[in-house]
Protein backbone atom coordinates (compact mmCIF):
# COMPACT_ATOMS: atom_id res chain seq x y z
CA MET A 1 -35.04 147.04 248.50
CA THR A 2 -32.99 150.24 248.53
CA ARG A 3 -29.78 150.13 246.49
CA LEU A 4 -26.79 149.85 248.84
CA ALA A 5 -23.03 149.49 248.56
CA ILE A 6 -20.11 149.13 250.94
CA TYR A 7 -16.86 151.12 250.88
CA LEU A 8 -13.51 149.71 251.93
CA GLN A 9 -10.27 151.54 252.44
CA ASP A 10 -7.30 150.28 254.44
CA ALA A 11 -8.70 149.75 257.94
CA HIS A 12 -8.94 145.97 257.49
CA SER A 13 -6.70 143.28 256.08
CA ILE A 14 -7.49 142.29 252.50
CA ASP A 15 -8.61 138.86 253.73
CA GLU A 16 -11.07 140.54 256.11
CA ALA A 17 -12.24 142.88 253.34
CA ILE A 18 -12.94 139.88 251.09
CA GLU A 19 -15.10 138.34 253.81
CA TYR A 20 -16.99 141.62 254.33
CA THR A 21 -17.55 141.87 250.58
CA LYS A 22 -18.91 138.32 250.42
CA HIS A 23 -21.20 139.05 253.37
CA ALA A 24 -22.42 142.24 251.69
CA GLU A 25 -23.10 140.32 248.49
CA SER A 26 -25.13 137.66 250.32
CA SER A 27 -27.00 140.46 252.12
CA GLY A 28 -28.20 142.01 248.89
CA PHE A 29 -25.71 144.86 248.55
CA GLU A 30 -25.26 145.99 244.96
CA ALA A 31 -21.60 146.99 244.96
CA VAL A 32 -18.32 147.26 246.82
CA TRP A 33 -16.09 150.29 246.28
CA GLN A 34 -12.39 150.28 247.09
CA ALA A 35 -10.29 153.43 247.35
CA ASP A 36 -6.73 154.25 246.55
CA SER A 37 -6.34 155.19 250.19
CA ARG A 38 -3.74 157.93 250.60
CA LEU A 39 -0.40 156.09 250.15
CA VAL A 40 -1.44 153.02 252.11
CA ARG A 41 -3.40 150.74 249.82
CA ASP A 42 -3.75 150.59 246.06
CA ALA A 43 -7.34 150.08 244.85
CA VAL A 44 -6.71 147.65 242.00
CA VAL A 45 -5.22 144.71 243.91
CA PRO A 46 -8.11 144.35 246.39
CA MET A 47 -10.62 144.96 243.58
CA ALA A 48 -9.16 141.95 241.79
CA ALA A 49 -9.38 139.92 244.99
CA PHE A 50 -13.05 140.87 245.46
CA ALA A 51 -13.79 140.02 241.83
CA ALA A 52 -12.19 136.60 242.13
CA LYS A 53 -14.08 135.69 245.30
CA THR A 54 -17.59 136.90 244.41
CA GLU A 55 -20.18 136.15 241.75
CA LYS A 56 -22.56 139.06 241.26
CA ILE A 57 -21.63 142.13 243.31
CA LYS A 58 -20.28 145.07 241.30
CA ILE A 59 -16.78 146.31 242.09
CA GLY A 60 -15.86 149.97 241.74
CA SER A 61 -12.77 152.07 242.31
CA GLY A 62 -13.83 154.78 244.69
CA VAL A 63 -11.62 156.42 243.48
CA VAL A 64 -8.33 156.17 241.60
CA ASP A 65 -6.75 159.46 240.57
CA CYS A 66 -6.48 160.87 237.06
CA TRP A 67 -2.81 161.87 237.31
CA THR A 68 -0.58 158.95 238.21
CA ARG A 69 -1.74 156.23 235.78
CA ASN A 70 -1.25 156.77 232.07
CA PRO A 71 -4.70 156.65 230.38
CA ALA A 72 -3.65 153.71 228.19
CA ARG A 73 -2.50 151.74 231.23
CA LEU A 74 -5.64 152.78 233.11
CA ALA A 75 -7.75 151.37 230.29
CA SER A 76 -5.78 148.13 230.13
CA THR A 77 -6.02 147.71 233.91
CA PHE A 78 -9.79 148.04 233.94
CA SER A 79 -10.10 145.91 230.83
CA THR A 80 -8.23 143.19 232.74
CA LEU A 81 -10.53 143.58 235.76
CA ASP A 82 -13.48 143.17 233.38
CA ASP A 83 -11.91 139.94 232.11
CA LEU A 84 -12.01 138.72 235.72
CA ALA A 85 -15.58 139.90 236.42
CA PRO A 86 -17.33 140.75 233.15
CA GLY A 87 -19.94 143.47 233.45
CA ARG A 88 -19.24 144.01 237.15
CA ILE A 89 -16.43 146.59 237.10
CA ILE A 90 -16.85 150.36 237.53
CA LEU A 91 -14.04 152.85 236.96
CA GLY A 92 -14.38 155.63 239.51
CA ILE A 93 -11.80 158.36 238.96
CA GLY A 94 -11.09 161.58 240.85
CA ALA A 95 -8.78 164.61 240.77
CA TRP A 96 -6.88 163.73 243.99
CA TRP A 97 -6.00 166.31 246.64
CA ASP A 98 -3.24 168.43 248.05
CA PRO A 99 -0.95 168.46 249.91
CA LEU A 100 -0.51 164.76 249.06
CA ALA A 101 -0.38 165.30 245.30
CA SER A 102 2.15 168.13 245.46
CA LYS A 103 4.34 166.16 247.87
CA VAL A 104 4.77 163.41 245.27
CA GLY A 105 5.45 165.86 242.43
CA ILE A 106 1.97 166.22 240.90
CA ASP A 107 0.96 169.74 239.88
CA ARG A 108 -2.83 169.60 239.81
CA LYS A 109 -3.27 172.42 237.30
CA LYS A 110 -6.27 172.33 234.96
CA PRO A 111 -8.00 169.41 236.73
CA LEU A 112 -11.19 169.84 234.68
CA THR A 113 -9.25 169.69 231.43
CA VAL A 114 -7.26 166.69 232.57
CA MET A 115 -10.38 164.85 233.73
CA ARG A 116 -12.16 165.46 230.42
CA GLU A 117 -9.14 164.22 228.46
CA VAL A 118 -8.66 161.11 230.59
CA VAL A 119 -12.34 160.11 230.63
CA THR A 120 -12.69 160.68 226.88
CA SER A 121 -9.59 158.69 225.93
CA VAL A 122 -10.10 155.84 228.40
CA ARG A 123 -13.72 155.41 227.33
CA ALA A 124 -12.66 155.20 223.68
CA LEU A 125 -9.95 152.63 224.46
CA LEU A 126 -12.38 150.47 226.45
CA ALA A 127 -14.80 150.69 223.51
CA ASP A 128 -12.12 148.94 221.38
CA GLU A 129 -11.29 152.05 219.37
CA THR A 130 -7.90 153.08 218.03
CA VAL A 131 -7.21 156.41 219.70
CA THR A 132 -5.14 159.37 218.62
CA PHE A 133 -5.41 162.24 221.08
CA SER A 134 -3.29 165.33 221.61
CA GLY A 135 -4.29 167.33 224.65
CA ASP A 136 -2.79 169.32 227.49
CA PHE A 137 -2.23 166.12 229.46
CA VAL A 138 -3.10 163.09 227.29
CA GLU A 139 -0.91 162.21 224.30
CA LEU A 140 -1.91 159.05 222.42
CA ASP A 141 -0.74 158.18 218.90
CA GLY A 142 -2.75 155.40 217.29
CA VAL A 143 -3.15 153.55 220.58
CA GLU A 144 -5.48 150.61 221.13
CA LEU A 145 -5.84 147.77 223.60
CA ASP A 146 -3.83 145.38 221.46
CA TYR A 147 -5.49 142.05 222.07
CA VAL A 148 -3.50 139.25 220.46
CA TYR A 149 -4.75 136.04 222.04
CA GLN A 150 -8.20 137.00 223.27
CA GLU A 151 -11.37 138.02 221.51
CA ARG A 152 -11.58 141.71 220.70
CA ARG A 153 -14.66 143.20 222.31
CA PRO A 154 -15.75 146.47 223.82
CA LYS A 155 -15.53 146.37 227.61
CA GLU A 156 -18.64 147.39 229.50
CA VAL A 157 -16.92 149.47 232.16
CA PRO A 158 -18.91 152.58 233.10
CA ILE A 159 -16.88 155.62 234.15
CA TYR A 160 -17.88 157.59 237.24
CA ILE A 161 -16.20 160.83 238.30
CA GLY A 162 -15.52 161.41 241.98
CA ALA A 163 -16.57 165.05 242.18
CA THR A 164 -16.62 167.48 245.10
CA GLY A 165 -16.40 170.99 243.63
CA MET A 166 -19.27 172.34 241.57
CA LYS A 167 -17.30 172.75 238.33
CA MET A 168 -16.28 169.08 238.50
CA MET A 169 -19.92 168.27 239.27
CA GLU A 170 -20.98 170.01 236.05
CA LEU A 171 -18.32 168.13 234.07
CA SER A 172 -19.59 164.86 235.56
CA GLY A 173 -23.12 165.70 234.47
CA GLU A 174 -21.84 166.35 230.98
CA ILE A 175 -19.50 163.41 230.30
CA ALA A 176 -19.68 160.70 232.98
CA ASP A 177 -21.90 157.65 233.37
CA GLY A 178 -22.19 158.50 237.04
CA VAL A 179 -20.82 160.65 239.80
CA VAL A 180 -19.40 159.42 243.11
CA LEU A 181 -20.62 162.02 245.59
CA ASN A 182 -18.23 162.63 248.43
CA TYR A 183 -18.55 161.92 252.13
CA LEU A 184 -18.42 164.23 255.13
CA VAL A 185 -20.81 166.69 253.55
CA SER A 186 -24.19 167.84 254.79
CA PRO A 187 -27.42 167.08 252.92
CA GLU A 188 -27.54 170.80 252.04
CA TYR A 189 -24.40 170.24 249.98
CA ASN A 190 -26.23 167.53 248.03
CA LYS A 191 -28.96 169.93 246.99
CA ARG A 192 -26.40 172.28 245.47
CA ALA A 193 -24.60 169.37 243.80
CA MET A 194 -27.82 168.24 242.10
CA GLU A 195 -28.30 171.73 240.62
CA HIS A 196 -24.82 171.66 239.09
CA LEU A 197 -25.15 168.10 237.83
CA GLU A 198 -28.31 169.23 236.06
CA ILE A 199 -26.41 172.12 234.46
CA GLY A 200 -23.79 169.71 233.12
CA ALA A 201 -26.33 167.16 231.96
CA SER A 202 -28.23 169.79 230.00
CA LYS A 203 -25.05 170.60 228.05
CA ALA A 204 -25.05 167.01 226.80
CA GLY A 205 -28.78 167.03 226.11
CA ARG A 206 -29.64 164.60 228.86
CA SER A 207 -31.42 164.49 232.19
CA ILE A 208 -29.91 164.19 235.64
CA ASP A 209 -31.94 160.97 235.92
CA GLU A 210 -29.57 159.43 233.37
CA ILE A 211 -26.63 159.94 235.73
CA ASP A 212 -26.13 157.45 238.55
CA ARG A 213 -25.33 159.20 241.83
CA PRO A 214 -23.87 156.83 244.45
CA GLN A 215 -22.58 158.60 247.54
CA LEU A 216 -19.97 157.78 250.12
CA VAL A 217 -21.54 157.97 253.58
CA VAL A 218 -19.45 157.60 256.72
CA CYS A 219 -21.42 155.08 258.76
CA SER A 220 -20.54 154.49 262.39
CA LEU A 221 -22.79 152.44 264.62
CA ALA A 222 -22.20 150.42 267.73
CA GLU A 223 -24.24 149.10 270.61
CA ASN A 224 -22.79 151.98 272.62
CA ARG A 225 -23.80 155.30 271.02
CA LYS A 226 -20.78 157.18 272.39
CA GLU A 227 -18.44 154.58 270.91
CA ALA A 228 -20.06 155.06 267.51
CA LEU A 229 -19.77 158.85 267.67
CA ASP A 230 -16.15 158.76 268.86
CA ALA A 231 -15.12 156.47 266.01
CA ALA A 232 -16.70 158.86 263.50
CA ARG A 233 -15.16 161.88 265.23
CA LEU A 234 -11.63 160.64 264.51
CA MET A 235 -12.46 160.20 260.84
CA VAL A 236 -14.15 163.60 260.62
CA THR A 237 -11.16 165.30 262.25
CA GLN A 238 -8.62 163.67 259.96
CA TYR A 239 -10.41 164.56 256.74
CA LEU A 240 -11.38 168.09 257.74
CA GLY A 241 -7.77 168.71 258.72
CA GLN A 242 -6.07 167.09 255.73
CA GLN A 243 -8.30 167.43 252.66
CA PRO A 244 -9.21 171.03 251.79
CA HIS A 245 -11.77 170.07 249.11
CA ILE A 246 -13.80 168.16 251.71
CA MET A 247 -13.23 170.90 254.27
CA LYS A 248 -14.66 173.50 251.87
CA ALA A 249 -17.72 171.40 251.00
CA SER A 250 -18.55 170.07 254.45
CA GLY A 251 -20.70 172.89 255.77
CA VAL A 252 -18.75 172.87 259.04
CA PRO A 253 -18.32 176.34 260.63
CA GLU A 254 -15.25 178.15 259.33
CA GLU A 255 -13.90 178.88 262.83
CA LEU A 256 -13.83 175.16 263.66
CA LEU A 257 -12.11 174.33 260.38
CA GLU A 258 -9.43 176.92 261.15
CA GLU A 259 -8.88 175.46 264.62
CA ILE A 260 -8.52 171.94 263.23
CA GLY A 261 -6.24 173.17 260.44
CA GLN A 262 -3.85 174.68 262.96
CA VAL A 263 -3.44 171.32 264.67
CA LEU A 264 -3.56 168.90 261.78
CA THR A 265 -2.26 168.48 258.24
CA TRP A 266 -0.82 165.60 256.16
CA PRO A 267 0.88 163.42 257.28
CA ALA A 268 -0.31 163.13 260.87
CA THR A 269 0.11 160.65 263.69
CA HIS A 270 -2.80 158.94 265.41
CA GLU A 271 -2.01 160.96 268.53
CA GLN A 272 -2.29 164.23 266.59
CA VAL A 273 -5.65 163.18 265.14
CA GLU A 274 -6.89 162.23 268.61
CA ALA A 275 -5.80 165.59 270.02
CA ALA A 276 -7.53 167.56 267.27
CA SER A 277 -10.69 165.43 267.55
CA LYS A 278 -11.40 166.95 270.96
CA LEU A 279 -12.34 170.13 269.08
CA VAL A 280 -15.19 168.43 267.17
CA PRO A 281 -18.59 168.35 268.93
CA ASP A 282 -21.22 165.62 268.52
CA GLU A 283 -23.53 167.83 266.47
CA VAL A 284 -20.85 168.35 263.81
CA VAL A 285 -20.20 164.61 263.65
CA GLN A 286 -23.90 163.90 263.15
CA MET A 287 -24.29 166.70 260.60
CA ILE A 288 -21.87 165.13 258.12
CA CYS A 289 -21.95 161.43 259.10
CA ALA A 290 -24.43 158.65 259.72
CA ALA A 291 -23.35 157.99 263.30
CA GLY A 292 -25.04 156.75 266.47
CA THR A 293 -27.71 154.16 267.06
CA PRO A 294 -28.99 151.95 264.19
CA ASP A 295 -32.14 154.10 263.91
CA GLU A 296 -30.11 157.33 263.80
CA VAL A 297 -27.81 155.88 261.15
CA ARG A 298 -30.64 154.68 258.91
CA GLU A 299 -32.43 158.02 259.28
CA LYS A 300 -29.33 159.94 258.17
CA VAL A 301 -28.70 157.65 255.20
CA ALA A 302 -32.33 158.15 254.17
CA GLN A 303 -31.77 161.90 254.24
CA TYR A 304 -28.90 161.64 251.75
CA ILE A 305 -31.17 159.60 249.45
CA GLU A 306 -33.90 162.22 249.68
CA ASP A 307 -31.37 164.86 248.67
CA GLY A 308 -30.22 163.13 245.49
CA CYS A 309 -28.10 160.06 246.31
CA THR A 310 -29.17 157.01 244.27
CA CYS A 311 -27.09 154.40 246.11
CA PRO A 312 -25.48 155.00 249.54
CA ILE A 313 -21.93 153.64 249.69
CA LEU A 314 -21.61 152.89 253.39
CA TYR A 315 -18.14 153.46 254.83
CA PRO A 316 -18.05 151.36 258.02
CA LEU A 317 -16.27 152.96 260.96
CA GLY A 318 -17.69 151.09 263.92
CA PRO A 319 -15.89 148.11 265.39
CA ASP A 320 -18.35 145.59 263.88
CA VAL A 321 -18.59 145.82 260.07
CA ARG A 322 -20.98 142.88 259.89
CA LEU A 323 -23.32 144.70 262.27
CA MET A 324 -23.44 147.61 259.86
CA ILE A 325 -24.16 145.33 256.91
CA ASP A 326 -26.84 143.47 258.84
CA THR A 327 -28.42 146.74 259.99
CA PHE A 328 -29.10 147.62 256.36
CA SER A 329 -29.74 144.12 254.97
CA GLY A 330 -33.23 144.14 253.48
CA TRP A 331 -33.69 147.83 254.36
CA SER A 332 -36.14 149.71 252.20
CA HIS A 333 -36.17 153.50 252.21
CA GLU A 334 -39.69 154.80 251.76
């Protein structure tokens, strides 16, 4: 069976998300990924809930940012999650985005340097090392996860970088256990991403095949094709209008991006998103999403796999999340 995962943000209550995660687990899905979604939902709390209510599905942060959690606290948080679900936790970490970051006082200068420092120091802490590190962003002086009452042991928490730009892709190939490929991009983007992952991997003397490459895929299906496309259109509009890194990578025509950008930024009301969505045609939705009938959705997901994705992380947008899970349950991509 093809490796599959599900992605959850803030569209459902945590109780509902737990039930979807349990259904995905029983349907053979490998993992559930939970985002720090804008300033709505923290990733760690629902991750803990999923870990407590499941037995074998892996649980990843898709993603937390590298700026707002001190690396020592980040390591202790994911060490604690591993205590709850040993061997099932994945730390996915990204460089966040503006204007949200700047609005809360984060200056995202030197994101590649910061990411390297955070990944290096957090990995060492999780490996039960005592860490002294003096960098541009990370300052640690003889720091360790100071277990007092529990057994000291390295924590098996792989670190994946959520990369969109090609320089971050190269860094991921060099230092990460995996890369979380972004959503709302065309398969052509994937081909370029694979080239840059290979460049980074070669710096570390390894192959791209040693780097796991799960990918977020917006997945909208419904019994009514128009309903599926309209649900995806709202999502497409919001992210193309608010997140420049996705906008740049999407492959959407520049003129359309400019039109959307004039109508929409962050924050935005639902009414503003709806108004801007009228600018986005069906063909753009289907270029960067898996949206439409079940056959259309499976075909698009297969295309991302062919272009380098190792495990689609399906982001359900349609009204029936269980339908999406069931559509892929037992699916094998040939």
